């Protein structure tokens, strides 16, 4: 995370370049700056949020199937003779 932010801040002079070669520097710096910024955002915020969403869906699906499993196990054990 710190490496990404250091890289992004290192690209900042290319994005805000002034002078005779500003067009070439901005053409190189802007896409790299935007790509690293978006990749960092996805890695820091979007992936953990998706993990939480999918985990809650998984828990809901698991809790909705459990009563049926419990009933099946109870039916199987009820059929067995007592030893």
Protein backbone atom coordinates (compact mmCIF):
# COMPACT_ATOMS: atom_id res chain seq x y z
CA UNK A 1 0.00 0.00 0.00
CA UNK A 2 2.75 2.45 0.92
CA UNK A 3 4.69 1.49 -2.21
CA UNK A 4 1.66 2.25 -4.36
CA UNK A 5 1.15 5.64 -2.77
CA UNK A 6 4.84 6.47 -3.14
CA UNK A 7 4.65 5.51 -6.81
CA UNK A 8 1.52 7.62 -7.32
CA UNK A 9 3.10 10.63 -5.63
CA UNK A 10 6.25 10.08 -7.71
CA UNK A 11 4.14 10.35 -10.86
CA UNK A 12 2.53 13.59 -9.76
CA UNK A 13 5.29 15.79 -11.29
CA UNK A 14 4.67 14.13 -14.66
CA UNK A 15 0.95 14.85 -14.45
CA UNK A 16 1.36 18.53 -13.50
CA UNK A 17 4.41 19.11 -15.71
CA UNK A 18 5.06 22.57 -17.11
CA UNK A 19 7.52 23.74 -19.68
CA UNK A 20 8.44 22.81 -23.23
CA UNK A 21 8.08 19.04 -22.83
CA UNK A 22 4.88 19.09 -20.80
CA UNK A 23 2.75 17.40 -23.47
CA UNK A 24 5.02 14.36 -23.70
CA UNK A 25 5.33 14.07 -19.93
CA UNK A 26 1.60 14.41 -19.35
CA UNK A 27 0.89 11.83 -22.07
CA UNK A 28 3.10 9.35 -20.23
CA UNK A 29 2.25 10.28 -16.65
CA UNK A 30 -1.52 10.66 -16.76
CA UNK A 31 -2.49 7.09 -17.78
CA UNK A 32 0.03 5.53 -15.41
CA UNK A 33 -1.13 7.82 -12.59
CA UNK A 34 -4.80 7.01 -13.24
CA UNK A 35 -4.12 3.30 -13.56
CA UNK A 36 -2.20 3.10 -10.30
CA UNK A 37 -4.78 5.22 -8.54
CA UNK A 38 -7.66 3.02 -9.71
CA UNK A 39 -5.75 -0.22 -8.99
CA UNK A 40 -4.97 1.01 -5.48
CA UNK A 41 -8.60 1.97 -4.91
CA UNK A 42 -9.79 -1.44 -6.09
CA UNK A 43 -7.24 -3.25 -3.94
CA UNK A 44 -7.91 -1.23 -0.79
CA UNK A 45 -11.67 -0.67 -0.91
CA UNK A 46 -13.46 -2.75 -3.54
CA UNK A 47 -11.97 -6.20 -2.90
CA UNK A 48 -12.59 -6.16 0.88
CA UNK A 49 -16.13 -4.87 0.30
CA UNK A 50 -16.82 -7.64 -2.20
CA UNK A 51 -15.42 -10.18 0.26
CA UNK A 52 -17.84 -9.00 2.95
CA UNK A 53 -20.77 -9.07 0.51
CA UNK A 54 -19.99 -12.59 -0.73
CA UNK A 55 -19.39 -13.84 2.82
CA UNK A 56 -22.79 -12.57 3.96
CA UNK A 57 -24.45 -14.20 0.93
CA UNK A 58 -22.64 -17.45 1.71
CA UNK A 59 -23.78 -17.35 5.35
CA UNK A 60 -27.39 -16.69 4.30
CA UNK A 61 -27.33 -19.59 1.87
CA UNK A 62 -25.71 -21.86 4.45
CA UNK A 63 -28.27 -20.97 7.14
CA UNK A 64 -31.18 -21.52 4.76
CA UNK A 65 -30.01 -25.06 3.90
CA UNK A 66 -29.18 -26.15 7.44
CA UNK A 67 -32.70 -26.92 8.69
CA UNK A 68 -33.17 -29.40 5.85
CA UNK A 69 -29.87 -31.09 6.67
CA UNK A 70 -30.84 -31.33 10.32
CA UNK A 71 -34.19 -32.88 9.41
CA UNK A 72 -32.49 -35.42 7.15
CA UNK A 73 -30.05 -36.41 9.89
CA UNK A 74 -32.87 -36.73 12.40
CA UNK A 75 -34.84 -38.93 9.99
CA UNK A 76 -31.81 -41.16 9.41
CA UNK A 77 -31.08 -41.57 13.12
CA UNK A 78 -34.76 -42.23 13.86
CA UNK A 79 -34.75 -45.15 11.42
CA UNK A 80 -31.79 -46.82 13.12
CA UNK A 81 -32.51 -49.38 15.79
CA UNK A 82 -31.32 -48.60 19.30
CA UNK A 83 -28.22 -50.56 20.28
